[in-house]
Amino acid sequence: MAKIKNPVLFSDHFGMDSQVLDAAGVLDPTLNVDTGLFIDPLLLEHSRHPEMQVDARATYEQHFTTVIKLLRGVKAPGDTAWRGALRQLSFPEIKWTCLGYGAASVSGSGSGSDMTGGYIDTARQIVELGVEDPDLFAAMALFEEGVGPDRISDMTTNVIFGDLLAFNHRVLANLPIPRQAMTLRLRNGKTFEAVLPVNPYISGPVAPVVLVPSDILRDLPIASDWHDVADAAAKNAELRLRVNDQIARMWAVKSRQDKAELKRWALSGKSAFETVLDMIHGANPTAYDMAADALGEIIWRKLAAHLPEQVPFALKVPPVMDLAGVVSVVDQIIEQFRFLIEDRRLSEELYHAGSPRPEKAAQRLFFAVAYAYCKANNLDLTPEADTGNGPVDFKVSSGFSGRVIVEIKLSTNNKLVKGYTRQLDTYKTAEETQKGYYVVLDVGGIGNKDQGLIAAKNEAGRRGEAVSPIIFIDGARRLSASKL
């Protein structure tokens, strides 16, 4: 699994206030770590930016109207109309937006030709039903294998790329950022001329940063979000009548088998597929709330960049950065993390709308704290964080003999005890790590899991095994004191 290290915000790299970007309605991207948000085509018409609301939506509709005409003319796979549709439905990933699942880089896979062939076959079946809504191509994400949030985002980015460049031209004209004229060639053969900032963290030829309006971004595009689509259907009386009980039950389970069943149902006739489209259009078309940041995608990046200015902390640097030296630094960082959570209201960032954010958000908060203070103290010690919910969440290292793992878990995790008894020591061995910590953030729902953890640790000690320290941090929300 890839690792996150040395994240660099666009605003920090170009020496500007991130609030200027916020006011302009622009995402402040991390130049060397993808942000897990996606462009949603169904949000284009709701954007405040004319390049998106008017131009991009028109471009999107025109493009897929053309594809529908081509599919209508297909007589057999591989004929002229088929090849034309194939060209129009080839959507290579555009890494310049710094969006998606790349995580430890800004490069992903884009939509390959194999997936596109299956995509065309399904799209052709839908068109043969008499469906002509351009949004049918996004709707396929609900049931077509291999069509997920990144594919929808890649698709939309490719189609509206010229409009995105027009948006950048207007926004960047008001920002004191150095730009460079360049010719951009997409892998599908399209070429564009633009004047854009350079992203020095993308290897190879000179690569730009293409800024994206924040109001066309979601953590999951509406068409791929089962929860939002099903919720919209459940609240609409007319749609409830059109979706039978069998499909409604299937919707609640969301297994791969049920996804195949949904596909069979959606392709059973024009009215069935139009019901799918109505469900998608009925879902709430709201962009990801950057301020509320439900998934914690934004806050850790800002914390990593600015924490030392807000809460200075001088690490006691060991004379030698051997294993003992690394351990001493990690001990200090964990204790400072505890202080920030318990005494400086960083615990607020563990929650959204009163409920705990995903465990991944807590893990990245810890990474941000570790990274910020190591960098501020000019330590030759770089924390790394798994890009997902990996069992080894954070690792700092100084040479082969100085590796230390810190694993962050929420008290709500049902596998909290198992994580300690099996995962930590297993991965400590796999990573040839000589020291590990198990940090539990108590955000409620711990039950007797704390007792189970302590019992497991004591039992391992009685067997003469090396045990990892268990550290409990009170992650309850504080009702007073100033926020970070």
Foldseek 3Di string as FASTA:
>chain_A
DDWAFDWAWQCVVQVHDVVLCVVLQWDGATLFFAQLKFFALLLQCVDPDCLRNPVLNVLLLVLLLLLLVLLVPDPDCPDPSNVVNLLSLQQAADLQQSHHQPGRGSDDGEDDSVLSVVLSVLVSLLSVLVDRGSCLSLLCLLQRPPCFRRHNRSSSCVRSVVSLQVSCVVSCVPPPGQWAWDWDADPSGDIDTHTADWRPNDDDPTGGHRIDRQWRMASGHLSNDLVQLLVLLVVDPVSCVVQDPVLNVLSVVSDNVSSNVLSCQCSVHNVSVVSSVVSSSSGDSTGDDQVLPQQLSPVLSVLLVCVCVVPNDAQDQDPDLFQVRLVSRVVVLVVVVLCCQPPQQPLVQQDGPLHGHDQLNVLSNSQSSSNNNCVVNVHPKIKIADSDQDLQGIWIADPLRHIETEGEEELQDPCLQVSQLPVPVVVCVVSVHDAYEYEYEYADPNPCVVVSNVVSQVVCVVVVHDHHYYHYHHSYGDDDDDHD
